[in-house]
Amino acid sequence: MGYHQSRVLITGGLGFIGSCLARRLVEAGARVTIIDNLREYHGANFFNIRDIASEVVVHSGDVRQRHVMEALIANSDFLFHLAGQTSHLHSMDDPLTDMEINVEAQLNLLEVCRQRNPGIKIVVASTRQVYGKPCYLPVDERHPLQPVDINGIHKLTAEQYYNLYFELHGINSCILRLTNTYGPGMRIRDASQCFVGSWIRALIEGETMRVFGDGTQVRDFNHVDDCAEALLLAGANGTANGRTYNLGSGEHISLLALARKMATLGDGGAYACIPFPPERKRIDIGDYYGDISLIRQELHWTPAVSLDDGLPDTVAYYRRHYHQYILPN
């Protein structure tokens, strides 16, 4: 894939997507540097890199710190930008911090690239939340962009910065709009990342999985291994420069059906539909699943891990390592 001996920087690299990506890059012979600010609710966990800790360089720092990013970016061939504020609820409660992380820091990062390393390749993790409530399904990349929360607005703004710097300054970047990503290493203490994490915790602790509304909402999911593969393909393939792609699985499922499926993985796993909390209801997007035809065609990415395979392995992982993920970061 062209990563052997390359210098790769991963922001947010102690999170579950970043650590999975770091592992794949180490296997490919890359020289990997991770920066992570260990911010609460973002899912950073040193346990995620326990098997490659001696093979990566880890910096504790914040992408908002220009002097830190200048030194790291200047010496990198690839930048996988996974750091960000991902909680939709937190963005509504604290929009200014979300803007600092998801907008201002992005522009600062691009300016550092322009001034210090214009030849770098950037792969950016964005979100399907930029689409808002779907006008049609499946959602393709031509769908109107009408986010319903602060996080979606800020993520969309950042996307526009990357596209502009590609067009005006030739900074090669690719944007991947992630959907619900799950798998080993994800945060399970709460639902601040993907709600599947909180369901896994409930399943292991013998509590009830809470399904908001009537559970008929449809979603699609990606296993973290498939997400990492998409990131690697986007980084190594020049076709991806200046492009934006949806991720997704090609399969979709209602939340109620997902809860039933997960309940079979526990001893008497229970689930219940409960009314939407008002703060969640006002930013809920209803049904969503993405059209992944474009990334299939241009990058030849095909998700390989089905829910039927990925969920049991993920739950089994947390049964083995529960205490590594339930304690505060």
C-alpha atoms as a PDB file:
ATOM      1  CA  MET A   1       0.000   0.000   0.000  1.00  0.00           C
ATOM      2  CA  GLY A   2       3.012   2.274  -0.094  1.00  0.00           C
ATOM      3  CA  TYR A   3       3.422   2.811   3.645  1.00  0.00           C
ATOM      4  CA  HIS A   4       6.695   0.938   4.156  1.00  0.00           C
ATOM      5  CA  GLN A   5       9.188   3.250   5.890  1.00  0.00           C
ATOM      6  CA  SER A   6       6.811   6.192   5.494  1.00  0.00           C
ATOM      7  CA  ARG A   7       6.402   8.658   8.334  1.00  0.00           C
ATOM      8  CA  VAL A   8       2.796   8.606   9.513  1.00  0.00           C
ATOM      9  CA  LEU A   9       1.136  10.888  12.052  1.00  0.00           C
ATOM     10  CA  ILE A  10      -2.183   9.849  13.595  1.00  0.00           C
ATOM     11  CA  THR A  11      -4.108  12.409  15.619  1.00  0.00           C
ATOM     12  CA  GLY A  12      -6.378  10.814  18.188  1.00  0.00           C
ATOM     13  CA  GLY A  13      -4.292   7.678  17.816  1.00  0.00           C
ATOM     14  CA  LEU A  14      -5.120   6.228  21.226  1.00  0.00           C
ATOM     15  CA  GLY A  15      -8.785   5.947  20.354  1.00  0.00           C
ATOM     16  CA  PHE A  16     -10.175   2.737  18.960  1.00  0.00           C
ATOM     17  CA  ILE A  17     -10.097   3.715  15.286  1.00  0.00           C
ATOM     18  CA  GLY A  18      -6.694   5.374  15.563  1.00  0.00           C
ATOM     19  CA  SER A  19      -5.141   2.470  17.433  1.00  0.00           C
ATOM     20  CA  CYS A  20      -6.519  -0.059  14.956  1.00  0.00           C
ATOM     21  CA  LEU A  21      -5.083   2.024  12.127  1.00  0.00           C
ATOM     22  CA  ALA A  22      -1.733   2.347  13.930  1.00  0.00           C
ATOM     23  CA  ARG A  23      -1.543  -1.431  14.254  1.00  0.00           C
ATOM     24  CA  ARG A  24      -2.141  -1.902  10.536  1.00  0.00           C
ATOM     25  CA  LEU A  25       0.481   0.717   9.678  1.00  0.00           C
ATOM     26  CA  VAL A  26       3.071  -0.870  11.950  1.00  0.00           C
ATOM     27  CA  GLU A  27       2.403  -4.172  10.196  1.00  0.00           C
ATOM     28  CA  ALA A  28       2.960  -2.386   6.879  1.00  0.00           C
ATOM     29  CA  GLY A  29       6.371  -1.161   8.042  1.00  0.00           C
ATOM     30  CA  ALA A  30       5.471   2.492   8.603  1.00  0.00           C
ATOM     31  CA  ARG A  31       7.088   4.701  11.220  1.00  0.00           C
ATOM     32  CA  VAL A  32       4.074   5.733  13.281  1.00  0.00           C
ATOM     33  CA  THR A  33       3.684   8.741  15.566  1.00  0.00           C
ATOM     34  CA  ILE A  34       0.543   9.257  17.632  1.00  0.00           C
ATOM     35  CA  ILE A  35      -0.676  12.465  19.224  1.00  0.00           C
ATOM     36  CA  ASP A  36      -3.612  12.380  21.626  1.00  0.00           C
ATOM     37  CA  ASN A  37      -4.750  14.791  24.306  1.00  0.00           C
ATOM     38  CA  LEU A  38      -6.437  12.089  26.428  1.00  0.00           C
ATOM     39  CA  ARG A  39      -9.508  14.284  26.645  1.00  0.00           C
ATOM     40  CA  GLU A  40     -12.417  12.879  28.642  1.00  0.00           C
ATOM     41  CA  TYR A  41     -15.215  11.394  26.506  1.00  0.00           C
ATOM     42  CA  HIS A  42     -12.951  10.905  23.492  1.00  0.00           C
ATOM     43  CA  GLY A  43     -12.071   7.284  24.211  1.00  0.00           C
ATOM     44  CA  ALA A  44      -8.269   7.447  24.365  1.00  0.00           C
ATOM     45  CA  ASN A  45      -6.846   4.419  26.127  1.00  0.00           C
ATOM     46  CA  PHE A  46      -3.217   3.251  26.294  1.00  0.00           C
ATOM     47  CA  PHE A  47      -4.486  -0.309  26.547  1.00  0.00           C
ATOM     48  CA  ASN A  48      -5.491  -0.002  22.887  1.00  0.00           C
ATOM     49  CA  ILE A  49      -1.830   0.033  21.806  1.00  0.00           C
ATOM     50  CA  ARG A  50      -0.461  -2.399  24.381  1.00  0.00           C
ATOM     51  CA  ASP A  51       0.825  -4.772  21.656  1.00  0.00           C
ATOM     52  CA  ILE A  52       2.557  -2.068  19.580  1.00  0.00           C
ATOM     53  CA  ALA A  53       3.586   0.394  22.296  1.00  0.00           C
ATOM     54  CA  SER A  54       7.286  -0.211  21.687  1.00  0.00           C
ATOM     55  CA  GLU A  55       6.871   0.341  17.945  1.00  0.00           C
ATOM     56  CA  VAL A  56       5.118   3.724  17.935  1.00  0.00           C
ATOM     57  CA  VAL A  57       5.969   7.162  19.310  1.00  0.00           C
ATOM     58  CA  VAL A  58       3.253   8.716  21.460  1.00  0.00           C
ATOM     59  CA  HIS A  59       2.926  12.430  22.201  1.00  0.00           C
ATOM     60  CA  SER A  60       0.481  13.799  24.734  1.00  0.00           C
ATOM     61  CA  GLY A  61      -0.748  16.994  23.147  1.00  0.00           C
ATOM     62  CA  ASP A  62      -3.622  18.886  21.618  1.00  0.00           C
ATOM     63  CA  VAL A  63      -4.209  19.564  17.919  1.00  0.00           C
ATOM     64  CA  ARG A  64      -5.084  23.122  18.926  1.00  0.00           C
ATOM     65  CA  GLN A  65      -1.437  23.695  19.946  1.00  0.00           C
ATOM     66  CA  ARG A  66       0.174  25.079  16.796  1.00  0.00           C
ATOM     67  CA  HIS A  67       3.772  24.716  17.965  1.00  0.00           C
ATOM     68  CA  VAL A  68       3.197  21.037  18.719  1.00  0.00           C
ATOM     69  CA  MET A  69       1.578  20.346  15.358  1.00  0.00           C
ATOM     70  CA  GLU A  70       4.263  22.247  13.433  1.00  0.00           C
ATOM     71  CA  ALA A  71       7.017  19.954  14.635  1.00  0.00           C
ATOM     72  CA  LEU A  72       5.023  16.779  14.001  1.00  0.00           C
ATOM     73  CA  ILE A  73       3.572  17.717  10.617  1.00  0.00           C
ATOM     74  CA  ALA A  74       6.890  18.942   9.243  1.00  0.00           C
ATOM     75  CA  ASN A  75       8.296  15.433   9.587  1.00  0.00           C
ATOM     76  CA  SER A  76       5.357  13.403   8.264  1.00  0.00           C
ATOM     77  CA  ASP A  77       4.471  11.927   4.887  1.00  0.00           C
ATOM     78  CA  PHE A  78       0.894  11.074   5.872  1.00  0.00           C
ATOM     79  CA  LEU A  79      -1.511  12.577   8.359  1.00  0.00           C
ATOM     80  CA  PHE A  80      -4.544  10.595   9.457  1.00  0.00           C
ATOM     81  CA  HIS A  81      -6.635  13.153  11.245  1.00  0.00           C
ATOM     82  CA  LEU A  82      -8.954  11.312  13.619  1.00  0.00           C
ATOM     83  CA  ALA A  83      -8.881  13.701  16.566  1.00  0.00           C
ATOM     84  CA  GLY A  84     -12.042  15.635  17.210  1.00  0.00           C
ATOM     85  CA  GLN A  85     -15.026  16.224  19.418  1.00  0.00           C
ATOM     86  CA  THR A  86     -17.475  13.526  18.322  1.00  0.00           C
ATOM     87  CA  SER A  87     -20.368  13.744  20.776  1.00  0.00           C
ATOM     88  CA  HIS A  88     -23.419  15.412  19.289  1.00  0.00           C
ATOM     89  CA  LEU A  89     -24.880  16.112  22.728  1.00  0.00           C
ATOM     90  CA  HIS A  90     -21.663  17.674  24.009  1.00  0.00           C
ATOM     91  CA  SER A  91     -21.524  19.898  20.937  1.00  0.00           C
ATOM     92  CA  MET A  92     -24.957  21.255  21.796  1.00  0.00           C
ATOM     93  CA  ASP A  93     -24.019  21.816  25.455  1.00  0.00           C
ATOM     94  CA  ASP A  94     -20.633  23.393  24.696  1.00  0.00           C
ATOM     95  CA  PRO A  95     -20.644  24.675  21.110  1.00  0.00           C
ATOM     96  CA  LEU A  96     -17.628  26.946  21.510  1.00  0.00           C
ATOM     97  CA  THR A  97     -15.315  24.128  22.541  1.00  0.00           C
ATOM     98  CA  ASP A  98     -16.655  22.049  19.676  1.00  0.00           C
ATOM     99  CA  MET A  99     -15.837  24.922  17.331  1.00  0.00           C
ATOM    100  CA  GLU A 100     -12.296  25.218  18.709  1.00  0.00           C
ATOM    101  CA  ILE A 101     -11.611  21.534  18.117  1.00  0.00           C
ATOM    102  CA  ASN A 102     -13.597  20.814  14.970  1.00  0.00           C
ATOM    103  CA  VAL A 103     -13.218  24.129  13.103  1.00  0.00           C
ATOM    104  CA  GLU A 104     -10.417  26.372  14.355  1.00  0.00           C
ATOM    105  CA  ALA A 105      -7.981  23.514  14.905  1.00  0.00           C
ATOM    106  CA  GLN A 106      -8.672  22.226  11.386  1.00  0.00           C
ATOM    107  CA  LEU A 107      -7.835  25.553   9.785  1.00  0.00           C
ATOM    108  CA  ASN A 108      -4.738  25.845  11.946  1.00  0.00           C
ATOM    109  CA  LEU A 109      -3.653  22.355  10.907  1.00  0.00           C
ATOM    110  CA  LEU A 110      -4.101  23.174   7.231  1.00  0.00           C
ATOM    111  CA  GLU A 111      -2.092  26.369   7.592  1.00  0.00           C
ATOM    112  CA  VAL A 112       0.724  24.405   9.192  1.00  0.00           C
ATOM    113  CA  CYS A 113       0.631  21.963   6.277  1.00  0.00           C
ATOM    114  CA  ARG A 114       0.652  24.800   3.730  1.00  0.00           C
ATOM    115  CA  GLN A 115       3.584  26.537   5.375  1.00  0.00           C
ATOM    116  CA  ARG A 116       5.666  23.608   6.599  1.00  0.00           C
ATOM    117  CA  ASN A 117       4.805  20.536   4.542  1.00  0.00           C
ATOM    118  CA  PRO A 118       2.579  21.107   1.483  1.00  0.00           C
ATOM    119  CA  GLY A 119       3.414  17.661   0.112  1.00  0.00           C
ATOM    120  CA  ILE A 120       1.768  15.801   2.992  1.00  0.00           C
ATOM    121  CA  LYS A 121      -1.259  13.555   2.340  1.00  0.00           C
ATOM    122  CA  ILE A 122      -4.162  14.012   4.767  1.00  0.00           C
ATOM    123  CA  VAL A 123      -7.036  11.626   5.400  1.00  0.00           C
ATOM    124  CA  VAL A 124      -9.816  13.202   7.451  1.00  0.00           C
ATOM    125  CA  ALA A 125     -12.466  11.436   9.513  1.00  0.00           C
ATOM    126  CA  SER A 126     -15.762  13.266   9.084  1.00  0.00           C
ATOM    127  CA  THR A 127     -19.285  12.082   9.846  1.00  0.00           C
ATOM    128  CA  ARG A 128     -22.558  11.150   8.176  1.00  0.00           C
ATOM    129  CA  GLN A 129     -24.112  13.784  10.470  1.00  0.00           C
ATOM    130  CA  VAL A 130     -23.293  16.412   7.844  1.00  0.00           C
ATOM    131  CA  TYR A 131     -26.289  15.138   5.848  1.00  0.00           C
ATOM    132  CA  GLY A 132     -28.824  15.738   8.604  1.00  0.00           C
ATOM    133  CA  LYS A 133     -32.199  14.064   8.147  1.00  0.00           C
ATOM    134  CA  PRO A 134     -32.073  12.080   4.915  1.00  0.00           C
ATOM    135  CA  CYS A 135     -34.219  13.191   2.000  1.00  0.00           C
ATOM    136  CA  TYR A 136     -33.786   9.754   0.436  1.00  0.00           C
ATOM    137  CA  LEU A 137     -32.123   6.410   1.146  1.00  0.00           C
ATOM    138  CA  PRO A 138     -29.496   5.215   0.692  1.00  0.00           C
ATOM    139  CA  VAL A 139     -27.680   8.533   1.125  1.00  0.00           C
ATOM    140  CA  ASP A 140     -25.030   9.195  -1.513  1.00  0.00           C
ATOM    141  CA  GLU A 141     -22.402  11.929  -1.597  1.00  0.00           C
ATOM    142  CA  ARG A 142     -24.661  14.175  -3.712  1.00  0.00           C
ATOM    143  CA  HIS A 143     -27.291  14.341  -0.955  1.00  0.00           C
ATOM    144  CA  PRO A 144     -28.039  17.858   0.390  1.00  0.00           C
ATOM    145  CA  LEU A 145     -25.884  18.838   3.357  1.00  0.00           C
ATOM    146  CA  GLN A 146     -28.214  20.033   6.113  1.00  0.00           C
ATOM    147  CA  PRO A 147     -26.836  19.098   9.557  1.00  0.00           C
ATOM    148  CA  VAL A 148     -29.206  19.231  12.514  1.00  0.00           C
ATOM    149  CA  ASP A 149     -26.698  19.847  15.304  1.00  0.00           C
ATOM    150  CA  ILE A 150     -23.618  21.915  16.137  1.00  0.00           C
ATOM    151  CA  ASN A 151     -21.225  19.022  15.623  1.00  0.00           C
ATOM    152  CA  GLY A 152     -22.543  18.404  12.117  1.00  0.00           C
ATOM    153  CA  ILE A 153     -22.243  22.083  11.197  1.00  0.00           C
ATOM    154  CA  HIS A 154     -18.667  22.237  12.433  1.00  0.00           C
ATOM    155  CA  LYS A 155     -17.678  19.001  10.705  1.00  0.00           C
ATOM    156  CA  LEU A 156     -19.122  20.317   7.450  1.00  0.00           C
ATOM    157  CA  THR A 157     -17.233  23.588   7.860  1.00  0.00           C
ATOM    158  CA  ALA A 158     -14.001  21.651   8.338  1.00  0.00           C
ATOM    159  CA  GLU A 159     -14.699  19.615   5.206  1.00  0.00           C
ATOM    160  CA  GLN A 160     -15.026  22.831   3.231  1.00  0.00           C
ATOM    161  CA  TYR A 161     -11.653  24.037   4.510  1.00  0.00           C
ATOM    162  CA  TYR A 162      -9.963  20.833   3.340  1.00  0.00           C
ATOM    163  CA  ASN A 163     -11.623  21.061  -0.067  1.00  0.00           C
ATOM    164  CA  LEU A 164     -10.629  24.706  -0.428  1.00  0.00           C
ATOM    165  CA  TYR A 165      -6.984  24.064   0.482  1.00  0.00           C
ATOM    166  CA  PHE A 166      -6.897  21.229  -2.028  1.00  0.00           C
ATOM    167  CA  GLU A 167      -8.228  23.478  -4.778  1.00  0.00           C
ATOM    168  CA  LEU A 168      -6.205  26.604  -3.920  1.00  0.00           C
ATOM    169  CA  HIS A 169      -2.983  25.244  -2.444  1.00  0.00           C
ATOM    170  CA  GLY A 170      -2.767  21.661  -3.687  1.00  0.00           C
ATOM    171  CA  ILE A 171      -2.852  20.146  -0.190  1.00  0.00           C
ATOM    172  CA  ASN A 172      -3.878  16.567  -0.934  1.00  0.00           C
ATOM    173  CA  SER A 173      -6.653  15.394   1.335  1.00  0.00           C
ATOM    174  CA  CYS A 174      -9.463  12.889   1.352  1.00  0.00           C
ATOM    175  CA  ILE A 175     -12.582  13.034   3.509  1.00  0.00           C
ATOM    176  CA  LEU A 176     -14.311   9.919   4.782  1.00  0.00           C
ATOM    177  CA  ARG A 177     -17.801  10.333   6.214  1.00  0.00           C
ATOM    178  CA  LEU A 178     -17.969   7.693   8.895  1.00  0.00           C
ATOM    179  CA  THR A 179     -21.161   6.071  10.085  1.00  0.00           C
ATOM    180  CA  ASN A 180     -21.581   4.073  13.333  1.00  0.00           C
ATOM    181  CA  THR A 181     -18.175   2.469  13.866  1.00  0.00           C
ATOM    182  CA  TYR A 182     -17.870  -0.286  16.458  1.00  0.00           C
ATOM    183  CA  GLY A 183     -15.351  -2.894  17.530  1.00  0.00           C
ATOM    184  CA  PRO A 184     -12.604  -3.698  20.039  1.00  0.00           C
ATOM    185  CA  GLY A 185     -11.153  -0.614  21.703  1.00  0.00           C
ATOM    186  CA  MET A 186     -14.252   1.590  21.546  1.00  0.00           C
ATOM    187  CA  ARG A 187     -15.464   3.544  24.544  1.00  0.00           C
ATOM    188  CA  ILE A 188     -18.119   1.635  26.497  1.00  0.00           C
ATOM    189  CA  ARG A 189     -18.457   3.773  29.606  1.00  0.00           C
ATOM    190  CA  ASP A 190     -21.273   5.729  27.994  1.00  0.00           C
ATOM    191  CA  ALA A 191     -22.808   6.583  24.626  1.00  0.00           C
ATOM    192  CA  SER A 192     -20.636   9.635  23.914  1.00  0.00           C
ATOM    193  CA  GLN A 193     -19.134   7.883  20.889  1.00  0.00           C
ATOM    194  CA  CYS A 194     -21.349   5.164  19.415  1.00  0.00           C
ATOM    195  CA  PHE A 195     -24.374   4.003  21.414  1.00  0.00           C
ATOM    196  CA  VAL A 196     -23.328   0.400  20.757  1.00  0.00           C
ATOM    197  CA  GLY A 197     -20.624   0.876  23.391  1.00  0.00           C
ATOM    198  CA  SER A 198     -23.163   1.641  26.108  1.00  0.00           C
ATOM    199  CA  TRP A 199     -25.240  -1.349  25.003  1.00  0.00           C
ATOM    200  CA  ILE A 200     -22.203  -3.613  25.318  1.00  0.00           C
ATOM    201  CA  ARG A 201     -21.626  -2.351  28.838  1.00  0.00           C
ATOM    202  CA  ALA A 202     -25.266  -2.992  29.742  1.00  0.00           C
ATOM    203  CA  LEU A 203     -25.075  -6.475  28.257  1.00  0.00           C
ATOM    204  CA  ILE A 204     -21.971  -7.399  30.243  1.00  0.00           C
ATOM    205  CA  GLU A 205     -23.297  -5.892  33.480  1.00  0.00           C
ATOM    206  CA  GLY A 206     -26.677  -7.589  33.132  1.00  0.00           C
ATOM    207  CA  GLU A 207     -28.490  -4.286  32.711  1.00  0.00           C
ATOM    208  CA  THR A 208     -31.162  -3.378  30.163  1.00  0.00           C
ATOM    209  CA  MET A 209     -30.128  -1.962  26.808  1.00  0.00           C
ATOM    210  CA  ARG A 210     -32.097   1.236  26.241  1.00  0.00           C
ATOM    211  CA  VAL A 211     -33.599   1.768  22.801  1.00  0.00           C
ATOM    212  CA  PHE A 212     -34.841   5.322  22.266  1.00  0.00           C
ATOM    213  CA  GLY A 213     -38.249   5.702  20.644  1.00  0.00           C
ATOM    214  CA  ASP A 214     -39.975   2.723  19.066  1.00  0.00           C
ATOM    215  CA  GLY A 215     -36.733   1.197  17.776  1.00  0.00           C
ATOM    216  CA  THR A 216     -37.756   1.285  14.128  1.00  0.00           C
ATOM    217  CA  GLN A 217     -34.968   3.741  13.245  1.00  0.00           C
ATOM    218  CA  VAL A 218     -32.641   2.163  10.684  1.00  0.00           C
ATOM    219  CA  ARG A 219     -28.863   2.499  10.785  1.00  0.00           C
ATOM    220  CA  ASP A 220     -25.785   0.999   9.180  1.00  0.00           C
ATOM    221  CA  PHE A 221     -22.567   0.068  10.962  1.00  0.00           C
ATOM    222  CA  ASN A 222     -18.893  -0.462  10.203  1.00  0.00           C
ATOM    223  CA  HIS A 223     -16.518  -2.698  12.083  1.00  0.00           C
ATOM    224  CA  VAL A 224     -13.338  -0.847  13.012  1.00  0.00           C
ATOM    225  CA  ASP A 225     -11.226  -3.176  10.832  1.00  0.00           C
ATOM    226  CA  ASP A 226     -13.222  -2.131   7.766  1.00  0.00           C
ATOM    227  CA  CYS A 227     -12.920   1.526   8.750  1.00  0.00           C
ATOM    228  CA  ALA A 228      -9.131   1.202   9.074  1.00  0.00           C
ATOM    229  CA  GLU A 229      -8.944  -0.444   5.664  1.00  0.00           C
ATOM    230  CA  ALA A 230     -10.842   2.461   4.106  1.00  0.00           C
ATOM    231  CA  LEU A 231      -8.482   4.954   5.741  1.00  0.00           C
ATOM    232  CA  LEU A 232      -5.446   3.108   4.422  1.00  0.00           C
ATOM    233  CA  LEU A 233      -6.827   2.932   0.898  1.00  0.00           C
ATOM    234  CA  ALA A 234      -7.698   6.633   0.946  1.00  0.00           C
ATOM    235  CA  GLY A 235      -4.190   7.520   2.069  1.00  0.00           C
ATOM    236  CA  ALA A 236      -2.332   5.393  -0.444  1.00  0.00           C
ATOM    237  CA  ASN A 237      -4.447   6.037  -3.535  1.00  0.00           C
ATOM    238  CA  GLY A 238      -3.971   9.260  -5.475  1.00  0.00           C
ATOM    239  CA  THR A 239      -7.474   8.880  -6.900  1.00  0.00           C
ATOM    240  CA  ALA A 240      -8.762   9.874  -3.453  1.00  0.00           C
ATOM    241  CA  ASN A 241      -7.103  13.290  -3.497  1.00  0.00           C
ATOM    242  CA  GLY A 242      -9.747  15.984  -3.186  1.00  0.00           C
ATOM    243  CA  ARG A 243     -12.521  13.404  -2.892  1.00  0.00           C
ATOM    244  CA  THR A 244     -15.204  12.738  -0.272  1.00  0.00           C
ATOM    245  CA  TYR A 245     -16.558   9.260   0.364  1.00  0.00           C
ATOM    246  CA  ASN A 246     -19.279   7.696   2.447  1.00  0.00           C
ATOM    247  CA  LEU A 247     -18.476   4.708   4.581  1.00  0.00           C
ATOM    248  CA  GLY A 248     -21.142   2.161   5.370  1.00  0.00           C
ATOM    249  CA  SER A 249     -21.692  -1.551   5.344  1.00  0.00           C
ATOM    250  CA  GLY A 250     -24.163  -2.213   2.580  1.00  0.00           C
ATOM    251  CA  GLU A 251     -26.443  -3.740   5.219  1.00  0.00           C
ATOM    252  CA  HIS A 252     -28.827  -1.855   7.477  1.00  0.00           C
ATOM    253  CA  ILE A 253     -30.831  -2.837  10.506  1.00  0.00           C
ATOM    254  CA  SER A 254     -33.398  -1.304  12.837  1.00  0.00           C
ATOM    255  CA  LEU A 255     -32.234  -0.467  16.334  1.00  0.00           C
ATOM    256  CA  LEU A 256     -34.785  -2.852  17.798  1.00  0.00           C
ATOM    257  CA  ALA A 257     -33.522  -5.696  15.617  1.00  0.00           C
ATOM    258  CA  LEU A 258     -29.953  -4.803  16.606  1.00  0.00           C
ATOM    259  CA  ALA A 259     -30.903  -4.939  20.294  1.00  0.00           C
ATOM    260  CA  ARG A 260     -32.478  -8.358  19.770  1.00  0.00           C
ATOM    261  CA  LYS A 261     -29.343  -9.563  18.011  1.00  0.00           C
ATOM    262  CA  MET A 262     -27.106  -8.300  20.809  1.00  0.00           C
ATOM    263  CA  ALA A 263     -29.358  -9.753  23.507  1.00  0.00           C
ATOM    264  CA  THR A 264     -28.565 -13.238  22.215  1.00  0.00           C
ATOM    265  CA  LEU A 265     -24.900 -12.597  23.052  1.00  0.00           C
ATOM    266  CA  GLY A 266     -25.585 -12.240  26.786  1.00  0.00           C
ATOM    267  CA  ASP A 267     -27.017 -14.392  29.525  1.00  0.00           C
ATOM    268  CA  GLY A 268     -30.598 -13.215  29.493  1.00  0.00           C
ATOM    269  CA  GLY A 269     -29.722  -9.972  27.741  1.00  0.00           C
ATOM    270  CA  ALA A 270     -32.571  -7.493  28.086  1.00  0.00           C
ATOM    271  CA  TYR A 271     -33.623  -4.468  26.064  1.00  0.00           C
ATOM    272  CA  ALA A 272     -36.467  -1.988  26.301  1.00  0.00           C
ATOM    273  CA  CYS A 273     -37.828   0.885  24.259  1.00  0.00           C
ATOM    274  CA  ILE A 274     -37.972   4.123  26.224  1.00  0.00           C
ATOM    275  CA  PRO A 275     -39.124   7.632  25.254  1.00  0.00           C
ATOM    276  CA  PHE A 276     -36.569   9.828  23.541  1.00  0.00           C
ATOM    277  CA  PRO A 277     -34.921  12.269  25.953  1.00  0.00           C
ATOM    278  CA  PRO A 278     -35.790  15.750  24.596  1.00  0.00           C
ATOM    279  CA  GLU A 279     -32.154  16.691  24.047  1.00  0.00           C
ATOM    280  CA  ARG A 280     -31.676  13.633  21.843  1.00  0.00           C
ATOM    281  CA  LYS A 281     -34.987  13.803  20.038  1.00  0.00           C
ATOM    282  CA  ARG A 282     -34.362  17.293  18.701  1.00  0.00           C
ATOM    283  CA  ILE A 283     -31.167  16.202  16.907  1.00  0.00           C
ATOM    284  CA  ASP A 284     -32.204  12.683  15.883  1.00  0.00           C
ATOM    285  CA  ILE A 285     -31.951  12.152  12.122  1.00  0.00           C
ATOM    286  CA  GLY A 286     -34.415   9.274  11.781  1.00  0.00           C
ATOM    287  CA  ASP A 287     -33.453   6.521   9.358  1.00  0.00           C
ATOM    288  CA  TYR A 288     -29.994   6.552   7.797  1.00  0.00           C
ATOM    289  CA  TYR A 289     -27.871   4.253   5.723  1.00  0.00           C
ATOM    290  CA  GLY A 290     -25.283   5.237   3.202  1.00  0.00           C
ATOM    291  CA  ASP A 291     -24.621   4.498  -0.441  1.00  0.00           C
ATOM    292  CA  ILE A 292     -21.030   3.257  -0.679  1.00  0.00           C
ATOM    293  CA  SER A 293     -20.941   2.797  -4.456  1.00  0.00           C
ATOM    294  CA  LEU A 294     -18.425   5.608  -4.980  1.00  0.00           C
ATOM    295  CA  ILE A 295     -15.731   4.299  -2.654  1.00  0.00           C
ATOM    296  CA  ARG A 296     -16.293   0.773  -3.970  1.00  0.00           C
ATOM    297  CA  GLN A 297     -15.776   1.991  -7.524  1.00  0.00           C
ATOM    298  CA  GLU A 298     -12.866   4.379  -7.007  1.00  0.00           C
ATOM    299  CA  LEU A 299     -10.899   2.800  -4.161  1.00  0.00           C
ATOM    300  CA  HIS A 300     -12.142  -0.792  -4.410  1.00  0.00           C
ATOM    301  CA  TRP A 301     -13.109  -0.798  -0.753  1.00  0.00           C
ATOM    302  CA  THR A 302     -15.584  -3.430   0.322  1.00  0.00           C
ATOM    303  CA  PRO A 303     -16.546  -3.938   3.962  1.00  0.00           C
ATOM    304  CA  ALA A 304     -15.674  -7.471   5.006  1.00  0.00           C
ATOM    305  CA  VAL A 305     -16.959  -7.803   8.585  1.00  0.00           C
ATOM    306  CA  SER A 306     -20.690  -8.374   8.983  1.00  0.00           C
ATOM    307  CA  LEU A 307     -22.618  -7.608  12.153  1.00  0.00           C
ATOM    308  CA  ASP A 308     -23.123 -11.338  12.664  1.00  0.00           C
ATOM    309  CA  ASP A 309     -19.347 -11.777  12.815  1.00  0.00           C
ATOM    310  CA  GLY A 310     -18.271  -8.457  14.295  1.00  0.00           C
ATOM    311  CA  LEU A 311     -20.687  -8.162  17.228  1.00  0.00           C
ATOM    312  CA  PRO A 312     -19.867 -11.504  18.912  1.00  0.00           C
ATOM    313  CA  ASP A 313     -16.131 -10.847  18.611  1.00  0.00           C
ATOM    314  CA  THR A 314     -16.547  -7.337  20.017  1.00  0.00           C
ATOM    315  CA  VAL A 315     -18.628  -8.463  22.995  1.00  0.00           C
ATOM    316  CA  ALA A 316     -16.156 -11.278  23.686  1.00  0.00           C
ATOM    317  CA  TYR A 317     -13.307  -8.751  23.659  1.00  0.00           C
ATOM    318  CA  TYR A 318     -14.992  -6.652  26.342  1.00  0.00           C
ATOM    319  CA  ARG A 319     -15.765  -9.660  28.466  1.00  0.00           C
ATOM    320  CA  ARG A 320     -12.025 -10.339  28.526  1.00  0.00           C
ATOM    321  CA  HIS A 321     -10.914  -6.729  29.024  1.00  0.00           C
ATOM    322  CA  TYR A 322     -13.893  -5.100  30.721  1.00  0.00           C
ATOM    323  CA  HIS A 323     -11.925  -3.412  33.516  1.00  0.00           C
ATOM    324  CA  GLN A 324      -9.517  -1.790  31.039  1.00  0.00           C
ATOM    325  CA  TYR A 325     -12.399   0.220  29.577  1.00  0.00           C
ATOM    326  CA  ILE A 326     -14.803   0.883  32.420  1.00  0.00           C
ATOM    327  CA  LEU A 327     -12.469   2.895  34.628  1.00  0.00           C
ATOM    328  CA  PRO A 328     -11.956   6.628  33.959  1.00  0.00           C
ATOM    329  CA  ASN A 329      -9.363   7.451  31.307  1.00  0.00           C
END
